[in-house]
Amino acid sequence: MGELTFCEKVSAWFRNSKSYLLILSLQFGSAGMYVLTMDALNKGMSHYIFVVYRNVIATIALAPFAFFLERYYSILFMKSCYTQSSIDIFM
């Protein structure tokens, strides 16, 4: 067995520290959101309007992921629901 190459070492490091990097990016995102929120509210934006804008942006950002990643599972779920309802109707 040979020694690991640089790319293999980096790959192993990323595999082992994936959860830490995720939490770190979440913290940076939360801090950035806090700074943007304080700046907008200090400039006079209404709390209610800010919540609406934040929810609209979140919906636009997450909708493609929900549409493409959950499409297969929702089709399977709908088939099982329709099958179960059809069986219930016939009984």
Protein backbone atom coordinates (compact mmCIF):
# COMPACT_ATOMS: atom_id res chain seq x y z
CA MET A 1 0.00 0.00 0.00
CA GLY A 2 1.31 3.35 -0.98
CA GLU A 3 0.99 6.64 0.74
CA LEU A 4 -2.07 8.77 0.05
CA THR A 5 -1.80 11.48 -2.56
CA PHE A 6 -2.68 15.09 -1.81
CA CYS A 7 -6.07 14.82 -3.52
CA GLU A 8 -6.96 11.71 -1.53
CA LYS A 9 -5.97 13.44 1.72
CA VAL A 10 -8.10 16.48 0.88
CA SER A 11 -11.00 14.24 -0.12
CA ALA A 12 -10.77 12.31 3.16
CA TRP A 13 -10.60 15.58 5.12
CA PHE A 14 -13.75 16.90 3.41
CA ARG A 15 -15.57 13.62 4.03
CA ASN A 16 -14.68 13.69 7.72
CA SER A 17 -15.46 17.38 8.28
CA LYS A 18 -18.61 17.74 6.16
CA SER A 19 -20.91 18.29 9.15
CA TYR A 20 -18.59 20.91 10.66
CA LEU A 21 -18.43 22.82 7.39
CA LEU A 22 -22.21 22.70 7.11
CA ILE A 23 -22.66 24.15 10.61
CA LEU A 24 -20.03 26.80 9.88
CA SER A 25 -21.79 27.88 6.69
CA LEU A 26 -25.11 27.92 8.57
CA GLN A 27 -23.60 30.24 11.19
CA PHE A 28 -22.24 32.58 8.52
CA GLY A 29 -25.64 32.63 6.82
CA SER A 30 -27.36 33.40 10.10
CA ALA A 31 -24.92 36.22 10.87
CA GLY A 32 -25.39 37.67 7.39
CA MET A 33 -29.15 37.54 7.77
CA TYR A 34 -28.89 39.31 11.12
CA VAL A 35 -26.78 42.10 9.62
CA LEU A 36 -29.17 42.56 6.69
CA THR A 37 -32.17 42.51 9.02
CA MET A 38 -30.75 45.13 11.35
CA ASP A 39 -29.73 47.34 8.44
CA ALA A 40 -33.18 47.16 6.83
CA LEU A 41 -35.05 47.74 10.08
CA ASN A 42 -32.79 50.64 11.11
CA LYS A 43 -33.47 52.31 7.78
CA GLY A 44 -37.19 52.25 8.50
CA MET A 45 -38.55 49.11 6.85
CA SER A 46 -41.70 47.71 8.43
CA HIS A 47 -41.35 44.43 10.33
CA TYR A 48 -44.32 42.94 8.49
CA ILE A 49 -43.05 43.86 5.03
CA PHE A 50 -39.63 42.45 5.88
CA VAL A 51 -41.15 39.11 6.90
CA VAL A 52 -43.11 38.98 3.63
CA TYR A 53 -40.00 39.75 1.56
CA ARG A 54 -37.96 37.16 3.45
CA ASN A 55 -40.60 34.46 2.93
CA VAL A 56 -40.95 35.29 -0.78
CA ILE A 57 -37.18 35.07 -1.29
CA ALA A 58 -37.04 31.78 0.63
CA THR A 59 -39.87 30.35 -1.46
CA ILE A 60 -38.17 31.34 -4.71
CA ALA A 61 -34.86 29.88 -3.52
CA LEU A 62 -36.28 26.56 -2.26
CA ALA A 63 -39.04 25.89 -4.79
CA PRO A 64 -36.77 24.40 -7.51
CA PHE A 65 -35.23 22.00 -4.99
CA ALA A 66 -38.64 20.91 -3.75
CA PHE A 67 -39.96 20.51 -7.28
CA PHE A 68 -37.09 18.47 -8.70
CA LEU A 69 -35.93 16.50 -5.67
CA GLU A 70 -39.34 15.52 -4.30
CA ARG A 71 -41.12 14.84 -7.57
CA TYR A 72 -40.37 11.10 -7.65
CA TYR A 73 -41.43 10.51 -4.03
CA SER A 74 -44.63 12.51 -4.40
CA ILE A 75 -45.59 10.43 -7.44
CA LEU A 76 -45.09 7.24 -5.46
CA PHE A 77 -47.09 8.67 -2.56
CA MET A 78 -49.95 9.73 -4.82
CA LYS A 79 -50.05 6.30 -6.46
CA SER A 80 -50.29 4.59 -3.09
CA CYS A 81 -53.01 7.02 -1.92
CA TYR A 82 -55.06 6.51 -5.08
CA THR A 83 -54.64 2.77 -4.90
CA GLN A 84 -55.71 2.66 -1.26
CA SER A 85 -58.72 4.91 -1.93
CA SER A 86 -59.75 2.78 -4.89
CA ILE A 87 -59.58 -0.36 -2.77
CA ASP A 88 -61.60 1.33 -0.02
CA ILE A 89 -64.26 2.43 -2.51
CA PHE A 90 -64.71 -1.05 -3.95
CA MET A 91 -65.08 -2.63 -0.50
